[in-house]
Amino acid sequence: MPARRKRPTIRDIATETGLSPAAVSYALRGLQVPEETQQRVREAAERLGYEADPIARALASGRTGLVGVLCGSLADGWQQSVAAELGRGLLGADRNALIVDAANDRAREAALAKHLLDQRVDALITLPVDPRSAHWTDAASRTVLVAIGDALPDASTAAEIVFDNTTGVTEALRTLAAAGHTRVTVFTPARAGTPDRPAELVVQQVAPALGITASLVDCPHDLDGAAAVALDVLSMQPRPTAVFCLADSMAYGVYDAARSLGLSIPRQLSVLGYDDQPMSRILTPPLSSYAWPIDELVAAVVERVVRAIDDGRRSRRKVLTPEPRPRDSIAPPGSRG
């Protein structure tokens, strides 16, 4: 078995250049030595195949170059897209993302947040399961904390990029009311311990004024789980005439359940989504939904994270408003169309 090649060290570069190890260390970090010396050291490091030890670099600089991305549920295709784009955006800013999945579980979310903080991430980005959880206060005291989607009311965040759920949910319910629906089920990722998430609160406030009886139903993001919940709801009598899903991934389960029960969309059941995943356009019929600007969101998050890490600057809250994507999944109750 061949001997493992010894990893070059700062001392090796010092021998190669005739400088002291301290001078080499300073040169590699661009500190206290002339540019000419820095260039000589970098060239020697490249010849020797030297790579900085990330642990040592973190100890010296106080930074790891790592940013945690804590997703509420990666079974949600929209969150998958956001996480992937954040990973690419952070890499472009010379940061590496550690992406983890809370699986829509409050306890798991708190445990994963602590794990990322123990890894000494330079920042923690979250799409929270429970925006009001007490652990966010601790997280904000230990690192740069940035929230996506919902604000964290009890934590001192460096930035919040939130959704205008008042506009989005109100517009969605008005669309269903205008089509004649008064019995609407709303599928939500909220759990018993998180009933006061912003979108759910808007449903409770707006629906009565529109003459809608809205039932909030907990629903997972994965297809089989969402289909099982939808099958139960659509088997009830009287069943809802419309289902409004706070994630398109849940709406896919409604389509599956409706097909199993022989219900026609939209003639016998209208369905409305809320994040306009690409798959929604190719369903039969195409799913009406609301689009959130992922490119704008990711650019805003990366910019604010880097600024907070490098300069300690906090940013004003940025609010994103959804754009309606009307398609063919909504019709009046009992429509023959």
C-alpha atoms as a PDB file:
ATOM      1  CA  MET A   1       0.000   0.000   0.000  1.00  0.00           C
ATOM      2  CA  PRO A   2       1.564   3.325  -1.027  1.00  0.00           C
ATOM      3  CA  ALA A   3       2.428   5.741   1.773  1.00  0.00           C
ATOM      4  CA  ARG A   4       0.032   8.603   2.225  1.00  0.00           C
ATOM      5  CA  ARG A   5       1.445  11.823   0.816  1.00  0.00           C
ATOM      6  CA  LYS A   6       2.272  14.299   3.545  1.00  0.00           C
ATOM      7  CA  ARG A   7       0.142  17.414   3.465  1.00  0.00           C
ATOM      8  CA  PRO A   8       2.285  20.579   2.961  1.00  0.00           C
ATOM      9  CA  THR A   9       2.360  22.922   5.940  1.00  0.00           C
ATOM     10  CA  ILE A  10       3.115  26.582   6.581  1.00  0.00           C
ATOM     11  CA  ARG A  11       6.554  25.472   7.795  1.00  0.00           C
ATOM     12  CA  ASP A  12       7.214  23.895   4.380  1.00  0.00           C
ATOM     13  CA  ILE A  13       6.331  27.162   2.673  1.00  0.00           C
ATOM     14  CA  ALA A  14       8.610  29.000   5.093  1.00  0.00           C
ATOM     15  CA  THR A  15      11.508  26.692   4.135  1.00  0.00           C
ATOM     16  CA  GLU A  16      10.721  27.179   0.438  1.00  0.00           C
ATOM     17  CA  THR A  17      10.647  30.980   0.655  1.00  0.00           C
ATOM     18  CA  GLY A  18      13.230  31.620   3.379  1.00  0.00           C
ATOM     19  CA  LEU A  19      10.610  33.434   5.483  1.00  0.00           C
ATOM     20  CA  SER A  20       9.525  32.743   9.031  1.00  0.00           C
ATOM     21  CA  PRO A  21       6.344  30.677   9.591  1.00  0.00           C
ATOM     22  CA  ALA A  22       4.728  33.764  11.126  1.00  0.00           C
ATOM     23  CA  ALA A  23       5.495  35.841   8.029  1.00  0.00           C
ATOM     24  CA  VAL A  24       4.062  33.107   5.803  1.00  0.00           C
ATOM     25  CA  SER A  25       0.911  32.975   7.910  1.00  0.00           C
ATOM     26  CA  TYR A  26       0.474  36.729   7.643  1.00  0.00           C
ATOM     27  CA  ALA A  27       1.123  36.663   3.898  1.00  0.00           C
ATOM     28  CA  LEU A  28      -1.469  33.949   3.289  1.00  0.00           C
ATOM     29  CA  ARG A  29      -4.032  36.097   5.086  1.00  0.00           C
ATOM     30  CA  GLY A  30      -2.940  39.310   3.370  1.00  0.00           C
ATOM     31  CA  LEU A  31      -1.749  40.920   6.588  1.00  0.00           C
ATOM     32  CA  GLN A  32       1.260  43.040   7.634  1.00  0.00           C
ATOM     33  CA  VAL A  33       3.587  42.069   4.764  1.00  0.00           C
ATOM     34  CA  PRO A  34       4.258  43.723   1.382  1.00  0.00           C
ATOM     35  CA  GLU A  35       2.247  42.680  -1.649  1.00  0.00           C
ATOM     36  CA  GLU A  36       5.428  41.351  -3.276  1.00  0.00           C
ATOM     37  CA  THR A  37       5.983  38.988  -0.333  1.00  0.00           C
ATOM     38  CA  GLN A  38       2.353  37.913  -0.413  1.00  0.00           C
ATOM     39  CA  GLN A  39       2.694  37.036  -4.083  1.00  0.00           C
ATOM     40  CA  ARG A  40       5.883  35.044  -3.459  1.00  0.00           C
ATOM     41  CA  VAL A  41       4.211  33.091  -0.682  1.00  0.00           C
ATOM     42  CA  ARG A  42       1.106  32.355  -2.761  1.00  0.00           C
ATOM     43  CA  GLU A  43       3.251  31.077  -5.629  1.00  0.00           C
ATOM     44  CA  ALA A  44       5.208  28.818  -3.283  1.00  0.00           C
ATOM     45  CA  ALA A  45       1.979  27.544  -1.723  1.00  0.00           C
ATOM     46  CA  GLU A  46       0.641  26.695  -5.173  1.00  0.00           C
ATOM     47  CA  ARG A  47       3.844  24.862  -6.167  1.00  0.00           C
ATOM     48  CA  LEU A  48       3.735  22.789  -2.997  1.00  0.00           C
ATOM     49  CA  GLY A  49       0.014  22.079  -3.234  1.00  0.00           C
ATOM     50  CA  TYR A  50      -0.709  23.772   0.075  1.00  0.00           C
ATOM     51  CA  GLU A  51      -4.333  24.071   1.197  1.00  0.00           C
ATOM     52  CA  ALA A  52      -5.351  25.987   4.286  1.00  0.00           C
ATOM     53  CA  ASP A  53      -6.672  23.832   7.107  1.00  0.00           C
ATOM     54  CA  PRO A  54     -10.325  24.952   7.458  1.00  0.00           C
ATOM     55  CA  ILE A  55     -10.360  24.273  11.197  1.00  0.00           C
ATOM     56  CA  ALA A  56      -7.188  26.266  11.767  1.00  0.00           C
ATOM     57  CA  ARG A  57      -8.480  29.027   9.520  1.00  0.00           C
ATOM     58  CA  ALA A  58     -11.727  29.138  11.493  1.00  0.00           C
ATOM     59  CA  LEU A  59      -9.833  29.373  14.774  1.00  0.00           C
ATOM     60  CA  ALA A  60      -7.678  32.177  13.413  1.00  0.00           C
ATOM     61  CA  SER A  61     -10.452  34.195  11.795  1.00  0.00           C
ATOM     62  CA  GLY A  62     -13.404  33.285  13.953  1.00  0.00           C
ATOM     63  CA  ARG A  63     -15.266  32.205  10.794  1.00  0.00           C
ATOM     64  CA  THR A  64     -15.884  28.813   9.230  1.00  0.00           C
ATOM     65  CA  GLY A  65     -17.213  29.887   5.821  1.00  0.00           C
ATOM     66  CA  LEU A  66     -20.274  27.732   6.543  1.00  0.00           C
ATOM     67  CA  VAL A  67     -23.887  28.921   6.445  1.00  0.00           C
ATOM     68  CA  GLY A  68     -26.650  26.720   7.818  1.00  0.00           C
ATOM     69  CA  VAL A  69     -29.881  26.463   5.836  1.00  0.00           C
ATOM     70  CA  LEU A  70     -32.608  24.966   8.029  1.00  0.00           C
ATOM     71  CA  CYS A  71     -35.633  24.048   5.915  1.00  0.00           C
ATOM     72  CA  GLY A  72     -39.056  23.420   7.365  1.00  0.00           C
ATOM     73  CA  SER A  73     -39.692  20.480   5.027  1.00  0.00           C
ATOM     74  CA  LEU A  74     -37.683  19.333   2.025  1.00  0.00           C
ATOM     75  CA  ALA A  75     -40.607  17.177   0.998  1.00  0.00           C
ATOM     76  CA  ASP A  76     -41.955  20.503  -0.284  1.00  0.00           C
ATOM     77  CA  GLY A  77     -40.682  20.972  -3.831  1.00  0.00           C
ATOM     78  CA  TRP A  78     -40.702  24.753  -3.438  1.00  0.00           C
ATOM     79  CA  GLN A  79     -38.397  24.585  -0.428  1.00  0.00           C
ATOM     80  CA  GLN A  80     -36.163  22.202  -2.362  1.00  0.00           C
ATOM     81  CA  SER A  81     -35.848  24.828  -5.092  1.00  0.00           C
ATOM     82  CA  VAL A  82     -35.097  27.600  -2.603  1.00  0.00           C
ATOM     83  CA  ALA A  83     -32.489  25.488  -0.809  1.00  0.00           C
ATOM     84  CA  ALA A  84     -30.767  24.568  -4.086  1.00  0.00           C
ATOM     85  CA  GLU A  85     -30.677  28.187  -5.244  1.00  0.00           C
ATOM     86  CA  LEU A  86     -29.390  29.336  -1.845  1.00  0.00           C
ATOM     87  CA  GLY A  87     -26.612  26.756  -2.038  1.00  0.00           C
ATOM     88  CA  ARG A  88     -25.537  28.069  -5.430  1.00  0.00           C
ATOM     89  CA  GLY A  89     -25.884  31.706  -4.388  1.00  0.00           C
ATOM     90  CA  LEU A  90     -23.831  31.241  -1.224  1.00  0.00           C
ATOM     91  CA  LEU A  91     -21.151  29.338  -3.136  1.00  0.00           C
ATOM     92  CA  GLY A  92     -20.909  32.291  -5.492  1.00  0.00           C
ATOM     93  CA  ALA A  93     -20.284  34.452  -2.422  1.00  0.00           C
ATOM     94  CA  ASP A  94     -17.485  32.084  -1.285  1.00  0.00           C
ATOM     95  CA  ARG A  95     -19.622  30.433   1.392  1.00  0.00           C
ATOM     96  CA  ASN A  96     -20.682  26.816   1.724  1.00  0.00           C
ATOM     97  CA  ALA A  97     -24.222  25.848   2.682  1.00  0.00           C
ATOM     98  CA  LEU A  98     -25.101  23.121   5.177  1.00  0.00           C
ATOM     99  CA  ILE A  99     -28.692  22.254   4.215  1.00  0.00           C
ATOM    100  CA  VAL A 100     -30.798  20.294   6.713  1.00  0.00           C
ATOM    101  CA  ASP A 101     -34.450  19.247   6.889  1.00  0.00           C
ATOM    102  CA  ALA A 102     -36.694  19.697   9.944  1.00  0.00           C
ATOM    103  CA  ALA A 103     -39.380  17.464   8.340  1.00  0.00           C
ATOM    104  CA  ASN A 104     -42.055  19.863   9.642  1.00  0.00           C
ATOM    105  CA  ASP A 105     -41.255  18.835  13.225  1.00  0.00           C
ATOM    106  CA  ARG A 106     -40.790  21.514  15.918  1.00  0.00           C
ATOM    107  CA  ALA A 107     -38.537  19.396  18.153  1.00  0.00           C
ATOM    108  CA  ARG A 108     -36.378  18.344  15.224  1.00  0.00           C
ATOM    109  CA  GLU A 109     -36.134  21.953  14.093  1.00  0.00           C
ATOM    110  CA  ALA A 110     -34.817  23.037  17.504  1.00  0.00           C
ATOM    111  CA  ALA A 111     -32.339  20.137  17.627  1.00  0.00           C
ATOM    112  CA  LEU A 112     -31.015  20.836  14.132  1.00  0.00           C
ATOM    113  CA  ALA A 113     -30.655  24.546  14.859  1.00  0.00           C
ATOM    114  CA  LYS A 114     -28.518  23.684  17.894  1.00  0.00           C
ATOM    115  CA  HIS A 115     -26.467  21.236  15.822  1.00  0.00           C
ATOM    116  CA  LEU A 116     -25.737  23.887  13.191  1.00  0.00           C
ATOM    117  CA  LEU A 117     -24.836  26.432  15.865  1.00  0.00           C
ATOM    118  CA  ASP A 118     -22.476  23.895  17.437  1.00  0.00           C
ATOM    119  CA  GLN A 119     -20.832  23.581  14.011  1.00  0.00           C
ATOM    120  CA  ARG A 120     -20.091  27.317  14.376  1.00  0.00           C
ATOM    121  CA  VAL A 121     -21.879  28.347  11.213  1.00  0.00           C
ATOM    122  CA  ASP A 122     -21.271  31.991  10.318  1.00  0.00           C
ATOM    123  CA  ALA A 123     -25.003  32.419   9.731  1.00  0.00           C
ATOM    124  CA  LEU A 124     -28.222  30.452  10.009  1.00  0.00           C
ATOM    125  CA  ILE A 125     -30.943  30.836   7.369  1.00  0.00           C
ATOM    126  CA  THR A 126     -34.308  29.339   8.264  1.00  0.00           C
ATOM    127  CA  LEU A 127     -37.637  28.626   6.619  1.00  0.00           C
ATOM    128  CA  PRO A 128     -39.221  28.052  10.005  1.00  0.00           C
ATOM    129  CA  VAL A 129     -41.660  25.401  11.122  1.00  0.00           C
ATOM    130  CA  ASP A 130     -42.453  27.351  14.288  1.00  0.00           C
ATOM    131  CA  PRO A 131     -41.676  31.071  13.988  1.00  0.00           C
ATOM    132  CA  ARG A 132     -42.476  31.668  17.682  1.00  0.00           C
ATOM    133  CA  SER A 133     -40.248  28.957  19.126  1.00  0.00           C
ATOM    134  CA  ALA A 134     -38.033  30.104  22.004  1.00  0.00           C
ATOM    135  CA  HIS A 135     -34.907  28.562  20.485  1.00  0.00           C
ATOM    136  CA  TRP A 136     -34.688  31.299  17.828  1.00  0.00           C
ATOM    137  CA  THR A 137     -33.786  33.837  20.540  1.00  0.00           C
ATOM    138  CA  ASP A 138     -30.753  31.747  21.478  1.00  0.00           C
ATOM    139  CA  ALA A 139     -29.806  31.239  17.827  1.00  0.00           C
ATOM    140  CA  ALA A 140     -29.840  35.001  17.183  1.00  0.00           C
ATOM    141  CA  SER A 141     -27.499  35.537  20.140  1.00  0.00           C
ATOM    142  CA  ARG A 142     -24.983  33.037  18.758  1.00  0.00           C
ATOM    143  CA  THR A 143     -24.852  33.777  15.036  1.00  0.00           C
ATOM    144  CA  VAL A 144     -26.320  35.807  12.174  1.00  0.00           C
ATOM    145  CA  LEU A 145     -29.952  34.692  11.905  1.00  0.00           C
ATOM    146  CA  VAL A 146     -32.008  35.278   8.748  1.00  0.00           C
ATOM    147  CA  ALA A 147     -35.644  34.217   8.315  1.00  0.00           C
ATOM    148  CA  ILE A 148     -37.424  33.406   5.062  1.00  0.00           C
ATOM    149  CA  GLY A 149     -41.191  33.380   4.679  1.00  0.00           C
ATOM    150  CA  ASP A 150     -42.254  34.211   8.216  1.00  0.00           C
ATOM    151  CA  ALA A 151     -40.804  36.680  10.710  1.00  0.00           C
ATOM    152  CA  LEU A 152     -39.375  35.453  14.012  1.00  0.00           C
ATOM    153  CA  PRO A 153     -41.108  37.836  16.424  1.00  0.00           C
ATOM    154  CA  ASP A 154     -39.082  36.941  19.524  1.00  0.00           C
ATOM    155  CA  ALA A 155     -35.604  36.843  17.949  1.00  0.00           C
ATOM    156  CA  SER A 156     -33.185  39.609  17.010  1.00  0.00           C
ATOM    157  CA  THR A 157     -32.716  38.626  13.384  1.00  0.00           C
ATOM    158  CA  ALA A 158     -30.136  40.172  11.060  1.00  0.00           C
ATOM    159  CA  ALA A 159     -32.687  40.121   8.235  1.00  0.00           C
ATOM    160  CA  GLU A 160     -36.159  38.850   7.403  1.00  0.00           C
ATOM    161  CA  ILE A 161     -37.446  38.236   3.901  1.00  0.00           C
ATOM    162  CA  VAL A 162     -41.134  37.617   4.506  1.00  0.00           C
ATOM    163  CA  PHE A 163     -44.196  36.886   2.416  1.00  0.00           C
ATOM    164  CA  ASP A 164     -47.140  39.220   2.129  1.00  0.00           C
ATOM    165  CA  ASN A 165     -49.589  36.562   3.260  1.00  0.00           C
ATOM    166  CA  THR A 166     -52.253  39.166   3.924  1.00  0.00           C
ATOM    167  CA  THR A 167     -52.378  39.996   0.215  1.00  0.00           C
ATOM    168  CA  GLY A 168     -51.795  36.446  -1.036  1.00  0.00           C
ATOM    169  CA  VAL A 169     -54.250  34.591   1.196  1.00  0.00           C
ATOM    170  CA  THR A 170     -56.910  37.303   0.925  1.00  0.00           C
ATOM    171  CA  GLU A 171     -56.649  37.279  -2.875  1.00  0.00           C
ATOM    172  CA  ALA A 172     -56.881  33.481  -2.918  1.00  0.00           C
ATOM    173  CA  LEU A 173     -59.991  33.377  -0.740  1.00  0.00           C
ATOM    174  CA  ARG A 174     -61.594  36.186  -2.758  1.00  0.00           C
ATOM    175  CA  THR A 175     -60.955  34.187  -5.937  1.00  0.00           C
ATOM    176  CA  LEU A 176     -62.764  31.175  -4.472  1.00  0.00           C
ATOM    177  CA  ALA A 177     -65.589  33.317  -3.092  1.00  0.00           C
ATOM    178  CA  ALA A 178     -66.051  35.003  -6.481  1.00  0.00           C
ATOM    179  CA  ALA A 179     -66.437  31.558  -8.046  1.00  0.00           C
ATOM    180  CA  GLY A 180     -69.236  30.820  -5.570  1.00  0.00           C
ATOM    181  CA  HIS A 181     -67.431  28.656  -3.016  1.00  0.00           C
ATOM    182  CA  THR A 182     -68.580  28.904   0.596  1.00  0.00           C
ATOM    183  CA  ARG A 183     -67.245  25.580   1.928  1.00  0.00           C
ATOM    184  CA  VAL A 184     -63.445  25.617   1.667  1.00  0.00           C
ATOM    185  CA  THR A 185     -60.808  23.409   3.290  1.00  0.00           C
ATOM    186  CA  VAL A 186     -57.365  24.937   3.725  1.00  0.00           C
ATOM    187  CA  PHE A 187     -54.429  22.517   3.811  1.00  0.00           C
ATOM    188  CA  THR A 188     -51.628  23.882   5.985  1.00  0.00           C
ATOM    189  CA  PRO A 189     -48.236  22.687   7.254  1.00  0.00           C
ATOM    190  CA  ALA A 190     -49.082  24.130  10.679  1.00  0.00           C
ATOM    191  CA  ARG A 191     -49.346  21.729  13.591  1.00  0.00           C
ATOM    192  CA  ALA A 192     -51.284  21.871  16.844  1.00  0.00           C
ATOM    193  CA  GLY A 193     -48.376  23.696  18.467  1.00  0.00           C
ATOM    194  CA  THR A 194     -48.081  26.299  15.711  1.00  0.00           C
ATOM    195  CA  PRO A 195     -51.641  27.531  15.048  1.00  0.00           C
ATOM    196  CA  ASP A 196     -50.664  31.185  14.866  1.00  0.00           C
ATOM    197  CA  ARG A 197     -48.521  31.186  11.748  1.00  0.00           C
ATOM    198  CA  PRO A 198     -49.256  34.303   9.633  1.00  0.00           C
ATOM    199  CA  ALA A 199     -50.977  32.650   6.660  1.00  0.00           C
ATOM    200  CA  GLU A 200     -53.274  30.629   8.899  1.00  0.00           C
ATOM    201  CA  LEU A 201     -54.232  33.717  10.902  1.00  0.00           C
ATOM    202  CA  VAL A 202     -55.197  35.528   7.691  1.00  0.00           C
ATOM    203  CA  VAL A 203     -57.468  32.614   6.719  1.00  0.00           C
ATOM    204  CA  GLN A 204     -59.242  32.815  10.075  1.00  0.00           C
ATOM    205  CA  GLN A 205     -59.647  36.598   9.810  1.00  0.00           C
ATOM    206  CA  VAL A 206     -60.681  36.942   6.166  1.00  0.00           C
ATOM    207  CA  ALA A 207     -62.843  33.897   5.400  1.00  0.00           C
ATOM    208  CA  PRO A 208     -65.907  34.878   7.521  1.00  0.00           C
ATOM    209  CA  ALA A 209     -66.105  38.325   5.932  1.00  0.00           C
ATOM    210  CA  LEU A 210     -66.259  36.652   2.499  1.00  0.00           C
ATOM    211  CA  GLY A 211     -69.031  34.282   3.533  1.00  0.00           C
ATOM    212  CA  ILE A 212     -66.649  31.321   3.505  1.00  0.00           C
ATOM    213  CA  THR A 213     -66.634  28.567   6.108  1.00  0.00           C
ATOM    214  CA  ALA A 214     -62.947  27.637   6.101  1.00  0.00           C
ATOM    215  CA  SER A 215     -61.584  24.538   7.823  1.00  0.00           C
ATOM    216  CA  LEU A 216     -57.846  24.408   8.522  1.00  0.00           C
ATOM    217  CA  VAL A 217     -56.422  20.891   8.128  1.00  0.00           C
ATOM    218  CA  ASP A 218     -52.850  19.850   8.911  1.00  0.00           C
ATOM    219  CA  CYS A 219     -51.227  18.298   5.848  1.00  0.00           C
ATOM    220  CA  PRO A 220     -47.738  16.980   5.068  1.00  0.00           C
ATOM    221  CA  HIS A 221     -45.907  18.011   1.917  1.00  0.00           C
ATOM    222  CA  ASP A 222     -45.121  14.559   0.511  1.00  0.00           C
ATOM    223  CA  LEU A 223     -47.439  13.152  -2.139  1.00  0.00           C
ATOM    224  CA  ASP A 224     -48.562  10.010  -0.313  1.00  0.00           C
ATOM    225  CA  GLY A 225     -49.116  11.844   2.966  1.00  0.00           C
ATOM    226  CA  ALA A 226     -51.019  14.697   1.333  1.00  0.00           C
ATOM    227  CA  ALA A 227     -53.124  12.254  -0.691  1.00  0.00           C
ATOM    228  CA  ALA A 228     -54.086  10.344   2.468  1.00  0.00           C
ATOM    229  CA  VAL A 229     -55.217  13.538   4.205  1.00  0.00           C
ATOM    230  CA  ALA A 230     -57.108  14.667   1.100  1.00  0.00           C
ATOM    231  CA  LEU A 231     -58.811  11.280   0.794  1.00  0.00           C
ATOM    232  CA  ASP A 232     -60.170  11.631   4.334  1.00  0.00           C
ATOM    233  CA  VAL A 233     -61.349  15.206   3.764  1.00  0.00           C
ATOM    234  CA  LEU A 234     -62.977  14.504   0.398  1.00  0.00           C
ATOM    235  CA  SER A 235     -64.774  11.432   1.774  1.00  0.00           C
ATOM    236  CA  MET A 236     -66.629  13.544   4.351  1.00  0.00           C
ATOM    237  CA  GLN A 237     -70.206  14.689   3.857  1.00  0.00           C
ATOM    238  CA  PRO A 238     -70.763  17.408   3.022  1.00  0.00           C
ATOM    239  CA  ARG A 239     -67.389  17.601   1.407  1.00  0.00           C
ATOM    240  CA  PRO A 240     -65.744  20.956   0.605  1.00  0.00           C
ATOM    241  CA  THR A 241     -66.334  22.382  -2.841  1.00  0.00           C
ATOM    242  CA  ALA A 242     -62.796  23.822  -2.911  1.00  0.00           C
ATOM    243  CA  VAL A 243     -59.421  23.091  -1.335  1.00  0.00           C
ATOM    244  CA  PHE A 244     -56.866  25.879  -0.901  1.00  0.00           C
ATOM    245  CA  CYS A 245     -53.383  24.440  -0.324  1.00  0.00           C
ATOM    246  CA  LEU A 246     -50.689  26.587   1.278  1.00  0.00           C
ATOM    247  CA  ALA A 247     -48.117  24.696  -0.810  1.00  0.00           C
ATOM    248  CA  ASP A 248     -48.520  23.285  -4.311  1.00  0.00           C
ATOM    249  CA  SER A 249     -46.999  19.992  -3.144  1.00  0.00           C
ATOM    250  CA  MET A 250     -50.100  19.472  -0.986  1.00  0.00           C
ATOM    251  CA  ALA A 251     -52.345  20.196  -3.974  1.00  0.00           C
ATOM    252  CA  TYR A 252     -50.749  17.269  -5.827  1.00  0.00           C
ATOM    253  CA  GLY A 253     -52.099  15.008  -3.096  1.00  0.00           C
ATOM    254  CA  VAL A 254     -55.569  16.524  -3.603  1.00  0.00           C
ATOM    255  CA  TYR A 255     -55.398  15.711  -7.323  1.00  0.00           C
ATOM    256  CA  ASP A 256     -54.395  12.134  -6.504  1.00  0.00           C
ATOM    257  CA  ALA A 257     -57.212  11.689  -3.988  1.00  0.00           C
ATOM    258  CA  ALA A 258     -59.787  13.271  -6.305  1.00  0.00           C
ATOM    259  CA  ARG A 259     -58.812  10.831  -9.039  1.00  0.00           C
ATOM    260  CA  SER A 260     -59.168   7.901  -6.620  1.00  0.00           C
ATOM    261  CA  LEU A 261     -62.673   9.067  -5.680  1.00  0.00           C
ATOM    262  CA  GLY A 262     -63.707   9.784  -9.263  1.00  0.00           C
ATOM    263  CA  LEU A 263     -64.078  13.530  -8.609  1.00  0.00           C
ATOM    264  CA  SER A 264     -63.576  15.844 -11.562  1.00  0.00           C
ATOM    265  CA  ILE A 265     -61.388  18.938 -11.127  1.00  0.00           C
ATOM    266  CA  PRO A 266     -62.699  21.644 -11.371  1.00  0.00           C
ATOM    267  CA  ARG A 267     -66.283  20.499 -12.152  1.00  0.00           C
ATOM    268  CA  GLN A 268     -66.784  18.770  -8.780  1.00  0.00           C
ATOM    269  CA  LEU A 269     -63.848  20.186  -6.826  1.00  0.00           C
ATOM    270  CA  SER A 270     -61.809  23.356  -7.226  1.00  0.00           C
ATOM    271  CA  VAL A 271     -58.158  23.341  -6.124  1.00  0.00           C
ATOM    272  CA  LEU A 272     -55.862  26.317  -5.536  1.00  0.00           C
ATOM    273  CA  GLY A 273     -52.138  26.227  -4.713  1.00  0.00           C
ATOM    274  CA  TYR A 274     -49.805  28.820  -3.231  1.00  0.00           C
ATOM    275  CA  ASP A 275     -46.238  28.664  -4.531  1.00  0.00           C
ATOM    276  CA  ASP A 276     -46.480  27.829  -8.249  1.00  0.00           C
ATOM    277  CA  GLN A 277     -44.037  24.976  -8.688  1.00  0.00           C
ATOM    278  CA  PRO A 278     -43.164  24.151 -12.320  1.00  0.00           C
ATOM    279  CA  MET A 279     -44.987  20.806 -12.068  1.00  0.00           C
ATOM    280  CA  SER A 280     -48.245  22.675 -11.466  1.00  0.00           C
ATOM    281  CA  ARG A 281     -48.379  23.818 -15.091  1.00  0.00           C
ATOM    282  CA  ILE A 282     -48.486  20.280 -16.485  1.00  0.00           C
ATOM    283  CA  LEU A 283     -51.204  18.803 -14.281  1.00  0.00           C
ATOM    284  CA  THR A 284     -54.606  18.015 -15.803  1.00  0.00           C
ATOM    285  CA  PRO A 285     -56.078  20.537 -15.432  1.00  0.00           C
ATOM    286  CA  PRO A 286     -53.184  22.952 -14.772  1.00  0.00           C
ATOM    287  CA  LEU A 287     -53.188  24.148 -11.145  1.00  0.00           C
ATOM    288  CA  SER A 288     -54.067  27.759 -10.334  1.00  0.00           C
ATOM    289  CA  SER A 289     -51.509  29.096  -7.870  1.00  0.00           C
ATOM    290  CA  TYR A 290     -49.497  32.097  -6.646  1.00  0.00           C
ATOM    291  CA  ALA A 291     -45.862  32.653  -7.598  1.00  0.00           C
ATOM    292  CA  TRP A 292     -43.196  33.893  -5.210  1.00  0.00           C
ATOM    293  CA  PRO A 293     -40.096  35.412  -6.895  1.00  0.00           C
ATOM    294  CA  ILE A 294     -37.399  32.866  -5.980  1.00  0.00           C
ATOM    295  CA  ASP A 295     -34.583  34.696  -7.809  1.00  0.00           C
ATOM    296  CA  GLU A 296     -35.343  37.936  -5.993  1.00  0.00           C
ATOM    297  CA  LEU A 297     -35.701  36.105  -2.697  1.00  0.00           C
ATOM    298  CA  VAL A 298     -32.384  34.257  -2.968  1.00  0.00           C
ATOM    299  CA  ALA A 299     -30.478  37.355  -4.103  1.00  0.00           C
ATOM    300  CA  ALA A 300     -31.866  39.321  -1.153  1.00  0.00           C
ATOM    301  CA  VAL A 301     -31.003  36.579   1.331  1.00  0.00           C
ATOM    302  CA  VAL A 302     -27.439  36.062   0.101  1.00  0.00           C
ATOM    303  CA  GLU A 303     -26.745  39.802   0.009  1.00  0.00           C
ATOM    304  CA  ARG A 304     -28.029  40.289   3.550  1.00  0.00           C
ATOM    305  CA  VAL A 305     -26.247  37.247   4.952  1.00  0.00           C
ATOM    306  CA  VAL A 306     -22.880  38.286   3.532  1.00  0.00           C
ATOM    307  CA  ARG A 307     -23.324  41.864   4.685  1.00  0.00           C
ATOM    308  CA  ALA A 308     -24.216  40.761   8.203  1.00  0.00           C
ATOM    309  CA  ILE A 309     -21.276  38.334   8.413  1.00  0.00           C
ATOM    310  CA  ASP A 310     -18.708  40.744   7.013  1.00  0.00           C
ATOM    311  CA  ASP A 311     -19.846  44.044   8.484  1.00  0.00           C
ATOM    312  CA  GLY A 312     -22.303  43.135  11.220  1.00  0.00           C
ATOM    313  CA  ARG A 313     -24.978  45.220   9.492  1.00  0.00           C
ATOM    314  CA  ARG A 314     -28.639  44.407   9.988  1.00  0.00           C
ATOM    315  CA  SER A 315     -31.141  44.937   7.182  1.00  0.00           C
ATOM    316  CA  ARG A 316     -34.667  46.210   7.060  1.00  0.00           C
ATOM    317  CA  ARG A 317     -37.370  43.613   6.530  1.00  0.00           C
ATOM    318  CA  LYS A 318     -38.068  42.862   2.869  1.00  0.00           C
ATOM    319  CA  VAL A 319     -41.625  41.892   1.959  1.00  0.00           C
ATOM    320  CA  LEU A 320     -42.365  39.829  -1.150  1.00  0.00           C
ATOM    321  CA  THR A 321     -45.820  39.912  -2.744  1.00  0.00           C
ATOM    322  CA  PRO A 322     -47.126  36.917  -4.720  1.00  0.00           C
ATOM    323  CA  GLU A 323     -48.318  37.083  -8.295  1.00  0.00           C
ATOM    324  CA  PRO A 324     -51.499  35.147  -9.200  1.00  0.00           C
ATOM    325  CA  ARG A 325     -51.164  32.372 -11.764  1.00  0.00           C
ATOM    326  CA  PRO A 326     -54.785  31.638 -12.768  1.00  0.00           C
ATOM    327  CA  ARG A 327     -55.228  28.397 -14.689  1.00  0.00           C
ATOM    328  CA  ASP A 328     -57.994  25.815 -15.057  1.00  0.00           C
ATOM    329  CA  SER A 329     -58.403  24.248 -11.613  1.00  0.00           C
ATOM    330  CA  ILE A 330     -61.129  26.617 -10.349  1.00  0.00           C
ATOM    331  CA  ALA A 331     -64.784  26.729 -11.421  1.00  0.00           C
ATOM    332  CA  PRO A 332     -68.154  27.395  -9.738  1.00  0.00           C
ATOM    333  CA  PRO A 333     -69.432  24.543  -7.527  1.00  0.00           C
ATOM    334  CA  GLY A 334     -71.219  21.946  -9.610  1.00  0.00           C
ATOM    335  CA  SER A 335     -70.040  23.536 -12.855  1.00  0.00           C
ATOM    336  CA  ARG A 336     -70.694  21.580 -16.049  1.00  0.00           C
ATOM    337  CA  GLY A 337     -67.598  23.119 -17.711  1.00  0.00           C
END
